[in-house]
Amino acid sequence: MRTGVYRKVDGHTGVGMFYLFLHLAREHTTGAQAVVYIQLRVEPEWAGTVRCCYMPRADFERKFEYVGEGLPP
């Protein structure tokens, strides 16, 4: 996985939005890999807090495309 910003290209919500890849994680008992990331936006219902999310690595690689080390201009 490349460190940096990704754009969501598939899914029910957040398509076209930017996300920051934080790190890989693994499920303790199965060893399955997951991606931990944050949305690069603030949602009113989150009360202005940053929300870490995770998704199975294969799903993330299918639903997101790499943009670069930072947000595009």
PDB file of N, CA and C in Angstrom:
ATOM      1  N   MET A   1       0.843  -1.183   0.000  1.00  0.00           N
ATOM      2  CA  MET A   1       0.000   0.000   0.000  1.00  0.00           C
ATOM      3  C   MET A   1       0.885   1.242   0.000  1.00  0.00           C
ATOM      4  N   ARG A   2       0.454   2.226  -0.755  1.00  0.00           N
ATOM      5  CA  ARG A   2       1.173   3.494  -0.810  1.00  0.00           C
ATOM      6  C   ARG A   2       0.592   4.453   0.224  1.00  0.00           C
ATOM      7  N   THR A   3       1.452   5.083   0.986  1.00  0.00           N
ATOM      8  CA  THR A   3       1.025   6.053   1.982  1.00  0.00           C
ATOM      9  C   THR A   3       0.553   7.323   1.289  1.00  0.00           C
ATOM     10  N   GLY A   4      -0.547   7.879   1.763  1.00  0.00           N
ATOM     11  CA  GLY A   4      -1.008   9.139   1.214  1.00  0.00           C
ATOM     12  C   GLY A   4      -2.509   9.226   1.111  1.00  0.00           C
ATOM     13  N   VAL A   5      -2.952  10.037   0.152  1.00  0.00           N
ATOM     14  CA  VAL A   5      -4.357  10.362  -0.031  1.00  0.00           C
ATOM     15  C   VAL A   5      -4.956   9.486  -1.128  1.00  0.00           C
ATOM     16  N   TYR A   6      -6.172   9.045  -0.879  1.00  0.00           N
ATOM     17  CA  TYR A   6      -6.922   8.234  -1.841  1.00  0.00           C
ATOM     18  C   TYR A   6      -8.268   8.902  -2.110  1.00  0.00           C
ATOM     19  N   ARG A   7      -8.809   8.654  -3.293  1.00  0.00           N
ATOM     20  CA  ARG A   7     -10.155   9.120  -3.655  1.00  0.00           C
ATOM     21  C   ARG A   7     -11.046   7.900  -3.772  1.00  0.00           C
ATOM     22  N   LYS A   8     -12.231   7.977  -3.196  1.00  0.00           N
ATOM     23  CA  LYS A   8     -13.167   6.862  -3.291  1.00  0.00           C
ATOM     24  C   LYS A   8     -13.820   6.874  -4.669  1.00  0.00           C
ATOM     25  N   VAL A   9     -13.805   5.728  -5.336  1.00  0.00           N
ATOM     26  CA  VAL A   9     -14.335   5.633  -6.696  1.00  0.00           C
ATOM     27  C   VAL A   9     -15.530   4.698  -6.800  1.00  0.00           C
ATOM     28  N   ASP A  10     -15.853   3.974  -5.729  1.00  0.00           N
ATOM     29  CA  ASP A  10     -16.968   3.037  -5.764  1.00  0.00           C
ATOM     30  C   ASP A  10     -17.572   2.920  -4.374  1.00  0.00           C
ATOM     31  N   GLY A  11     -18.877   2.802  -4.307  1.00  0.00           N
ATOM     32  CA  GLY A  11     -19.552   2.628  -3.030  1.00  0.00           C
ATOM     33  C   GLY A  11     -20.852   3.390  -2.976  1.00  0.00           C
ATOM     34  N   HIS A  12     -21.541   3.262  -1.855  1.00  0.00           N
ATOM     35  CA  HIS A  12     -22.836   3.916  -1.680  1.00  0.00           C
ATOM     36  C   HIS A  12     -22.696   5.357  -1.200  1.00  0.00           C
ATOM     37  N   THR A  13     -21.651   5.645  -0.445  1.00  0.00           N
ATOM     38  CA  THR A  13     -21.451   6.993   0.092  1.00  0.00           C
ATOM     39  C   THR A  13     -20.009   7.420  -0.102  1.00  0.00           C
ATOM     40  N   GLY A  14     -19.778   8.708  -0.119  1.00  0.00           N
ATOM     41  CA  GLY A  14     -18.420   9.245  -0.145  1.00  0.00           C
ATOM     42  C   GLY A  14     -17.682   9.146  -1.465  1.00  0.00           C
ATOM     43  N   VAL A  15     -18.345   8.736  -2.540  1.00  0.00           N
ATOM     44  CA  VAL A  15     -17.665   8.628  -3.838  1.00  0.00           C
ATOM     45  C   VAL A  15     -17.187  10.016  -4.259  1.00  0.00           C
ATOM     46  N   GLY A  16     -15.931  10.095  -4.692  1.00  0.00           N
ATOM     47  CA  GLY A  16     -15.327  11.360  -5.092  1.00  0.00           C
ATOM     48  C   GLY A  16     -14.640  12.097  -3.957  1.00  0.00           C
ATOM     49  N   MET A  17     -14.854  11.663  -2.714  1.00  0.00           N
ATOM     50  CA  MET A  17     -14.251  12.315  -1.558  1.00  0.00           C
ATOM     51  C   MET A  17     -12.836  11.777  -1.322  1.00  0.00           C
ATOM     52  N   PHE A  18     -12.068  12.539  -0.527  1.00  0.00           N
ATOM     53  CA  PHE A  18     -10.687  12.178  -0.240  1.00  0.00           C
ATOM     54  C   PHE A  18     -10.549  11.551   1.144  1.00  0.00           C
ATOM     55  N   TYR A  19      -9.603  10.618   1.248  1.00  0.00           N
ATOM     56  CA  TYR A  19      -9.355   9.854   2.469  1.00  0.00           C
ATOM     57  C   TYR A  19      -7.851   9.705   2.650  1.00  0.00           C
ATOM     58  N   LEU A  20      -7.405   9.692   3.882  1.00  0.00           N
ATOM     59  CA  LEU A  20      -5.986   9.529   4.188  1.00  0.00           C
ATOM     60  C   LEU A  20      -5.740   8.133   4.737  1.00  0.00           C
ATOM     61  N   PHE A  21      -4.916   7.372   4.035  1.00  0.00           N
ATOM     62  CA  PHE A  21      -4.506   6.044   4.487  1.00  0.00           C
ATOM     63  C   PHE A  21      -3.580   6.218   5.679  1.00  0.00           C
ATOM     64  N   LEU A  22      -3.888   5.577   6.806  1.00  0.00           N
ATOM     65  CA  LEU A  22      -3.064   5.688   8.002  1.00  0.00           C
ATOM     66  C   LEU A  22      -2.107   4.513   8.140  1.00  0.00           C
ATOM     67  N   HIS A  23      -2.660   3.296   8.139  1.00  0.00           N
ATOM     68  CA  HIS A  23      -1.802   2.122   8.275  1.00  0.00           C
ATOM     69  C   HIS A  23      -2.597   0.854   8.018  1.00  0.00           C
ATOM     70  N   LEU A  24      -1.878  -0.246   7.896  1.00  0.00           N
ATOM     71  CA  LEU A  24      -2.508  -1.554   7.799  1.00  0.00           C
ATOM     72  C   LEU A  24      -2.685  -2.120   9.197  1.00  0.00           C
ATOM     73  N   ALA A  25      -3.720  -2.910   9.366  1.00  0.00           N
ATOM     74  CA  ALA A  25      -3.963  -3.613  10.618  1.00  0.00           C
ATOM     75  C   ALA A  25      -4.244  -5.071  10.256  1.00  0.00           C
ATOM     76  N   ARG A  26      -4.160  -5.931  11.253  1.00  0.00           N
ATOM     77  CA  ARG A  26      -4.519  -7.319  10.976  1.00  0.00           C
ATOM     78  C   ARG A  26      -5.411  -7.830  12.078  1.00  0.00           C
ATOM     79  N   GLU A  27      -6.348  -8.669  11.679  1.00  0.00           N
ATOM     80  CA  GLU A  27      -7.261  -9.286  12.632  1.00  0.00           C
ATOM     81  C   GLU A  27      -6.470 -10.309  13.430  1.00  0.00           C
ATOM     82  N   HIS A  28      -6.600 -10.259  14.720  1.00  0.00           N
ATOM     83  CA  HIS A  28      -5.761 -11.053  15.623  1.00  0.00           C
ATOM     84  C   HIS A  28      -5.825 -12.560  15.363  1.00  0.00           C
ATOM     85  N   THR A  29      -7.000 -13.110  15.190  1.00  0.00           N
ATOM     86  CA  THR A  29      -7.111 -14.570  15.084  1.00  0.00           C
ATOM     87  C   THR A  29      -6.956 -15.104  13.667  1.00  0.00           C
ATOM     88  N   THR A  30      -7.402 -14.327  12.658  1.00  0.00           N
ATOM     89  CA  THR A  30      -7.337 -14.834  11.282  1.00  0.00           C
ATOM     90  C   THR A  30      -6.144 -14.309  10.506  1.00  0.00           C
ATOM     91  N   GLY A  31      -5.600 -13.172  10.935  1.00  0.00           N
ATOM     92  CA  GLY A  31      -4.495 -12.552  10.211  1.00  0.00           C
ATOM     93  C   GLY A  31      -4.944 -11.749   9.005  1.00  0.00           C
ATOM     94  N   ALA A  32      -6.256 -11.649   8.777  1.00  0.00           N
ATOM     95  CA  ALA A  32      -6.766 -10.883   7.636  1.00  0.00           C
ATOM     96  C   ALA A  32      -6.351  -9.420   7.762  1.00  0.00           C
ATOM     97  N   GLN A  33      -5.900  -8.828   6.657  1.00  0.00           N
ATOM     98  CA  GLN A  33      -5.454  -7.442   6.676  1.00  0.00           C
ATOM     99  C   GLN A  33      -6.613  -6.481   6.458  1.00  0.00           C
ATOM    100  N   ALA A  34      -6.523  -5.336   7.124  1.00  0.00           N
ATOM    101  CA  ALA A  34      -7.495  -4.261   6.963  1.00  0.00           C
ATOM    102  C   ALA A  34      -6.734  -2.948   6.823  1.00  0.00           C
ATOM    103  N   VAL A  35      -7.368  -1.974   6.207  1.00  0.00           N
ATOM    104  CA  VAL A  35      -6.816  -0.636   6.041  1.00  0.00           C
ATOM    105  C   VAL A  35      -7.487   0.275   7.054  1.00  0.00           C
ATOM    106  N   VAL A  36      -6.682   1.062   7.761  1.00  0.00           N
ATOM    107  CA  VAL A  36      -7.201   2.071   8.688  1.00  0.00           C
ATOM    108  C   VAL A  36      -6.999   3.427   8.016  1.00  0.00           C
ATOM    109  N   TYR A  37      -8.074   4.225   7.963  1.00  0.00           N
ATOM    110  CA  TYR A  37      -8.029   5.494   7.247  1.00  0.00           C
ATOM    111  C   TYR A  37      -8.951   6.503   7.909  1.00  0.00           C
ATOM    112  N   ILE A  38      -8.776   7.776   7.529  1.00  0.00           N
ATOM    113  CA  ILE A  38      -9.684   8.824   8.000  1.00  0.00           C
ATOM    114  C   ILE A  38     -10.229   9.580   6.791  1.00  0.00           C
ATOM    115  N   GLN A  39     -11.446  10.069   6.935  1.00  0.00           N
ATOM    116  CA  GLN A  39     -12.045  10.910   5.910  1.00  0.00           C
ATOM    117  C   GLN A  39     -11.448  12.304   6.030  1.00  0.00           C
ATOM    118  N   LEU A  40     -11.183  12.939   4.916  1.00  0.00           N
ATOM    119  CA  LEU A  40     -10.623  14.291   4.942  1.00  0.00           C
ATOM    120  C   LEU A  40     -11.745  15.317   4.763  1.00  0.00           C
ATOM    121  N   ARG A  41     -12.715  15.231   5.654  1.00  0.00           N
ATOM    122  CA  ARG A  41     -13.828  16.171   5.696  1.00  0.00           C
ATOM    123  C   ARG A  41     -14.433  16.109   7.095  1.00  0.00           C
ATOM    124  N   VAL A  42     -15.213  17.091   7.437  1.00  0.00           N
ATOM    125  CA  VAL A  42     -15.885  17.118   8.730  1.00  0.00           C
ATOM    126  C   VAL A  42     -17.386  17.034   8.477  1.00  0.00           C
ATOM    127  N   GLU A  43     -18.027  16.115   9.141  1.00  0.00           N
ATOM    128  CA  GLU A  43     -19.470  15.948   9.031  1.00  0.00           C
ATOM    129  C   GLU A  43     -20.130  16.512  10.289  1.00  0.00           C
ATOM    130  N   PRO A  44     -21.203  17.294  10.141  1.00  0.00           N
ATOM    131  CA  PRO A  44     -21.858  17.891  11.321  1.00  0.00           C
ATOM    132  C   PRO A  44     -22.271  16.861  12.366  1.00  0.00           C
ATOM    133  N   GLU A  45     -22.742  15.692  11.921  1.00  0.00           N
ATOM    134  CA  GLU A  45     -23.195  14.686  12.893  1.00  0.00           C
ATOM    135  C   GLU A  45     -22.033  14.080  13.685  1.00  0.00           C
ATOM    136  N   TRP A  46     -20.811  14.311  13.249  1.00  0.00           N
ATOM    137  CA  TRP A  46     -19.645  13.823  13.994  1.00  0.00           C
ATOM    138  C   TRP A  46     -19.190  14.839  15.032  1.00  0.00           C
ATOM    139  N   ALA A  47     -19.853  15.973  15.101  1.00  0.00           N
ATOM    140  CA  ALA A  47     -19.527  17.047  16.053  1.00  0.00           C
ATOM    141  C   ALA A  47     -18.089  17.527  15.893  1.00  0.00           C
ATOM    142  N   GLY A  48     -17.606  17.556  14.654  1.00  0.00           N
ATOM    143  CA  GLY A  48     -16.272  18.087  14.375  1.00  0.00           C
ATOM    144  C   GLY A  48     -15.119  17.188  14.766  1.00  0.00           C
ATOM    145  N   THR A  49     -15.374  15.926  15.071  1.00  0.00           N
ATOM    146  CA  THR A  49     -14.293  15.022  15.475  1.00  0.00           C
ATOM    147  C   THR A  49     -13.761  14.237  14.280  1.00  0.00           C
ATOM    148  N   VAL A  50     -12.521  13.813  14.377  1.00  0.00           N
ATOM    149  CA  VAL A  50     -11.921  12.944  13.369  1.00  0.00           C
ATOM    150  C   VAL A  50     -12.368  11.519  13.658  1.00  0.00           C
ATOM    151  N   ARG A  51     -12.771  10.798  12.634  1.00  0.00           N
ATOM    152  CA  ARG A  51     -13.263   9.437  12.826  1.00  0.00           C
ATOM    153  C   ARG A  51     -12.404   8.454  12.054  1.00  0.00           C
ATOM    154  N   CYS A  52     -11.663   7.626  12.755  1.00  0.00           N
ATOM    155  CA  CYS A  52     -10.895   6.562  12.109  1.00  0.00           C
ATOM    156  C   CYS A  52     -11.859   5.467  11.658  1.00  0.00           C
ATOM    157  N   CYS A  53     -11.584   4.923  10.490  1.00  0.00           N
ATOM    158  CA  CYS A  53     -12.403   3.845   9.938  1.00  0.00           C
ATOM    159  C   CYS A  53     -11.477   2.721   9.511  1.00  0.00           C
ATOM    160  N   TYR A  54     -12.039   1.543   9.320  1.00  0.00           N
ATOM    161  CA  TYR A  54     -11.252   0.449   8.776  1.00  0.00           C
ATOM    162  C   TYR A  54     -12.106  -0.338   7.800  1.00  0.00           C
ATOM    163  N   MET A  55     -11.427  -1.022   6.885  1.00  0.00           N
ATOM    164  CA  MET A  55     -12.093  -1.783   5.841  1.00  0.00           C
ATOM    165  C   MET A  55     -11.137  -2.901   5.425  1.00  0.00           C
ATOM    166  N   PRO A  56     -11.656  -4.071   5.092  1.00  0.00           N
ATOM    167  CA  PRO A  56     -10.767  -5.119   4.587  1.00  0.00           C
ATOM    168  C   PRO A  56      -9.914  -4.593   3.429  1.00  0.00           C
ATOM    169  N   ARG A  57      -8.647  -4.975   3.407  1.00  0.00           N
ATOM    170  CA  ARG A  57      -7.707  -4.441   2.420  1.00  0.00           C
ATOM    171  C   ARG A  57      -8.196  -4.650   0.991  1.00  0.00           C
ATOM    172  N   ALA A  58      -8.705  -5.822   0.665  1.00  0.00           N
ATOM    173  CA  ALA A  58      -9.161  -6.091  -0.699  1.00  0.00           C
ATOM    174  C   ALA A  58     -10.296  -5.141  -1.095  1.00  0.00           C
ATOM    175  N   ASP A  59     -11.201  -4.854  -0.169  1.00  0.00           N
ATOM    176  CA  ASP A  59     -12.298  -3.921  -0.452  1.00  0.00           C
ATOM    177  C   ASP A  59     -11.761  -2.517  -0.678  1.00  0.00           C
ATOM    178  N   PHE A  60     -10.821  -2.089   0.178  1.00  0.00           N
ATOM    179  CA  PHE A  60     -10.235  -0.751   0.043  1.00  0.00           C
ATOM    180  C   PHE A  60      -9.550  -0.620  -1.315  1.00  0.00           C
ATOM    181  N   GLU A  61      -8.761  -1.609  -1.694  1.00  0.00           N
ATOM    182  CA  GLU A  61      -8.027  -1.546  -2.962  1.00  0.00           C
ATOM    183  C   GLU A  61      -8.978  -1.520  -4.164  1.00  0.00           C
ATOM    184  N   ARG A  62     -10.164  -2.077  -4.016  1.00  0.00           N
ATOM    185  CA  ARG A  62     -11.153  -2.072  -5.094  1.00  0.00           C
ATOM    186  C   ARG A  62     -11.921  -0.750  -5.146  1.00  0.00           C
ATOM    187  N   LYS A  63     -12.179  -0.132  -3.995  1.00  0.00           N
ATOM    188  CA  LYS A  63     -13.049   1.039  -3.921  1.00  0.00           C
ATOM    189  C   LYS A  63     -12.323   2.384  -3.950  1.00  0.00           C
ATOM    190  N   PHE A  64     -11.010   2.382  -3.796  1.00  0.00           N
ATOM    191  CA  PHE A  64     -10.250   3.637  -3.707  1.00  0.00           C
ATOM    192  C   PHE A  64      -9.115   3.654  -4.715  1.00  0.00           C
ATOM    193  N   GLU A  65      -8.774   4.875  -5.196  1.00  0.00           N
ATOM    194  CA  GLU A  65      -7.614   5.028  -6.062  1.00  0.00           C
ATOM    195  C   GLU A  65      -6.636   5.991  -5.410  1.00  0.00           C
ATOM    196  N   TYR A  66      -5.361   5.711  -5.593  1.00  0.00           N
ATOM    197  CA  TYR A  66      -4.308   6.538  -5.019  1.00  0.00           C
ATOM    198  C   TYR A  66      -4.265   7.880  -5.735  1.00  0.00           C
ATOM    199  N   VAL A  67      -4.168   8.976  -4.961  1.00  0.00           N
ATOM    200  CA  VAL A  67      -4.092  10.321  -5.511  1.00  0.00           C
ATOM    201  C   VAL A  67      -2.667  10.851  -5.430  1.00  0.00           C
ATOM    202  N   GLY A  68      -2.041  10.714  -4.259  1.00  0.00           N
ATOM    203  CA  GLY A  68      -0.691  11.216  -4.067  1.00  0.00           C
ATOM    204  C   GLY A  68      -0.386  11.369  -2.586  1.00  0.00           C
ATOM    205  N   GLU A  69       0.747  11.994  -2.317  1.00  0.00           N
ATOM    206  CA  GLU A  69       1.153  12.188  -0.929  1.00  0.00           C
ATOM    207  C   GLU A  69       0.309  13.242  -0.222  1.00  0.00           C
ATOM    208  N   GLY A  70      -0.331  14.104  -0.967  1.00  0.00           N
ATOM    209  CA  GLY A  70      -1.181  15.147  -0.382  1.00  0.00           C
ATOM    210  C   GLY A  70      -2.397  15.382  -1.251  1.00  0.00           C
ATOM    211  N   LEU A  71      -3.233  16.290  -0.812  1.00  0.00           N
ATOM    212  CA  LEU A  71      -4.428  16.627  -1.583  1.00  0.00           C
ATOM    213  C   LEU A  71      -4.040  17.313  -2.892  1.00  0.00           C
ATOM    214  N   PRO A  72      -4.799  17.069  -3.947  1.00  0.00           N
ATOM    215  CA  PRO A  72      -4.495  17.754  -5.205  1.00  0.00           C
ATOM    216  C   PRO A  72      -4.770  19.259  -5.076  1.00  0.00           C
ATOM    217  N   PRO A  73      -4.111  20.052  -5.912  1.00  0.00           N
ATOM    218  CA  PRO A  73      -4.319  21.522  -5.837  1.00  0.00           C
ATOM    219  C   PRO A  73      -5.734  21.925  -6.201  1.00  0.00           C
TER     220      PRO A  73
END
